[in-house]
Amino acid sequence: MRTARLLEQARDETRDAAEYYERCVSGLGSDFTYKVDEAILNICENPEGGAVLECNIRRCLISRFPYCLLYRVDPSEIVIVAVMHQSRRPGYWVNRVG
């Protein structure tokens, strides 16, 4: 099983979303973080399972939240490029691929 690495921007997006949800409802931020971690484990177990978008980037939906993980499968690791809200700024992450 490959390991996953989050780009710094993806870590920031996870933190920002978790903080937002925590401000809305106590404990919801932790739930969001848990669901992100769960999605990362699923990706590590089945890296080819995500739908291919562009630039060899795949998408994994995060259950219960309107977010998805965008990732690429490298020979030695899985790189999480973005933790993206599904209704905001599509394509903002493209400059992170490379």
Protein backbone atom coordinates (compact mmCIF):
# COMPACT_ATOMS: atom_id res chain seq x y z
CA MET A 1 0.00 0.00 0.00
CA ARG A 2 1.34 3.43 -0.97
CA THR A 3 1.54 6.28 1.49
CA ALA A 4 -0.17 9.62 0.95
CA ARG A 5 1.36 13.07 1.24
CA LEU A 6 -0.68 16.27 1.37
CA LEU A 7 0.69 19.37 -0.28
CA GLU A 8 0.90 22.29 2.13
CA GLN A 9 -2.03 23.99 0.38
CA ALA A 10 -4.18 20.86 0.83
CA ARG A 11 -3.32 20.76 4.54
CA ASP A 12 -4.30 24.43 4.81
CA GLU A 13 -7.59 23.76 3.01
CA THR A 14 -8.37 20.89 5.39
CA ARG A 15 -7.63 23.05 8.43
CA ASP A 16 -9.62 26.01 7.12
CA ALA A 17 -12.68 23.88 6.34
CA ALA A 18 -12.48 22.10 9.70
CA GLU A 19 -12.27 25.45 11.52
CA TYR A 20 -15.26 26.74 9.55
CA TYR A 21 -17.36 23.67 10.39
CA GLU A 22 -16.32 23.82 14.03
CA ARG A 23 -17.52 27.43 14.23
CA CYS A 24 -20.87 26.30 12.79
CA VAL A 25 -21.43 23.32 15.09
CA SER A 26 -19.24 22.05 17.90
CA GLY A 27 -17.64 18.75 16.88
CA LEU A 28 -18.39 19.13 13.16
CA GLY A 29 -14.82 20.21 12.42
CA SER A 30 -13.54 16.98 13.95
CA ASP A 31 -16.07 15.03 11.88
CA PHE A 32 -14.79 16.72 8.73
CA THR A 33 -11.17 15.90 9.58
CA TYR A 34 -12.15 12.29 10.29
CA LYS A 35 -13.90 11.99 6.91
CA VAL A 36 -10.84 13.46 5.14
CA ASP A 37 -8.60 10.91 6.89
CA GLU A 38 -11.03 8.13 5.95
CA ALA A 39 -10.96 9.22 2.29
CA ILE A 40 -7.14 9.26 2.34
CA LEU A 41 -7.09 5.68 3.67
CA ASN A 42 -9.50 4.64 0.92
CA ILE A 43 -7.24 6.24 -1.68
CA CYS A 44 -4.18 4.45 -0.27
CA GLU A 45 -6.01 1.12 -0.47
CA ASN A 46 -7.35 1.73 -3.98
CA PRO A 47 -5.38 4.54 -5.68
CA GLU A 48 -6.84 3.88 -9.13
CA GLY A 49 -10.41 4.09 -7.81
CA GLY A 50 -10.90 7.83 -8.18
CA ALA A 51 -12.39 9.33 -11.32
CA VAL A 52 -9.74 10.84 -13.60
CA LEU A 53 -10.14 14.58 -14.15
CA GLU A 54 -7.33 16.32 -16.02
CA CYS A 55 -3.55 16.24 -15.86
CA ASN A 56 -3.74 12.68 -14.42
CA ILE A 57 -5.48 14.04 -11.34
CA ARG A 58 -8.09 11.84 -9.71
CA ARG A 59 -11.02 12.79 -7.51
CA CYS A 60 -12.27 11.12 -4.33
CA LEU A 61 -15.49 12.42 -2.80
CA ILE A 62 -15.56 13.02 0.95
CA SER A 63 -18.69 11.48 2.41
CA ARG A 64 -21.14 13.76 4.23
CA PHE A 65 -19.41 16.97 3.14
CA PRO A 66 -19.40 18.86 -0.19
CA TYR A 67 -15.64 18.38 -0.59
CA CYS A 68 -13.40 16.08 -2.55
CA LEU A 69 -9.74 15.16 -2.52
CA LEU A 70 -7.82 15.76 -5.72
CA TYR A 71 -4.76 13.55 -5.99
CA ARG A 72 -2.21 12.05 -8.31
CA VAL A 73 -0.69 8.61 -8.14
CA ASP A 74 3.10 8.69 -8.34
CA PRO A 75 5.24 5.54 -8.43
CA SER A 76 6.27 5.87 -4.79
CA GLU A 77 3.42 7.83 -3.20
CA ILE A 78 0.01 9.41 -3.57
CA VAL A 79 0.06 13.20 -3.57
CA ILE A 80 -3.06 15.00 -2.33
CA VAL A 81 -3.07 18.16 -4.41
CA ALA A 82 -6.22 19.81 -3.03
CA VAL A 83 -9.08 19.44 -0.58
CA MET A 84 -11.61 21.21 -2.76
CA HIS A 85 -15.15 22.41 -2.11
CA GLN A 86 -17.18 21.04 -4.99
CA SER A 87 -19.11 24.25 -5.67
CA ARG A 88 -16.37 26.85 -5.48
CA ARG A 89 -13.57 27.97 -7.81
CA PRO A 90 -13.20 24.93 -10.07
CA GLY A 91 -9.73 24.60 -11.52
CA TYR A 92 -7.94 26.81 -8.96
CA TRP A 93 -5.66 23.87 -8.12
CA VAL A 94 -4.28 23.28 -11.63
CA ASN A 95 -1.10 25.28 -10.98
CA ARG A 96 -0.21 22.81 -8.17
CA VAL A 97 0.20 19.94 -10.61
CA GLY A 98 3.67 19.44 -11.79
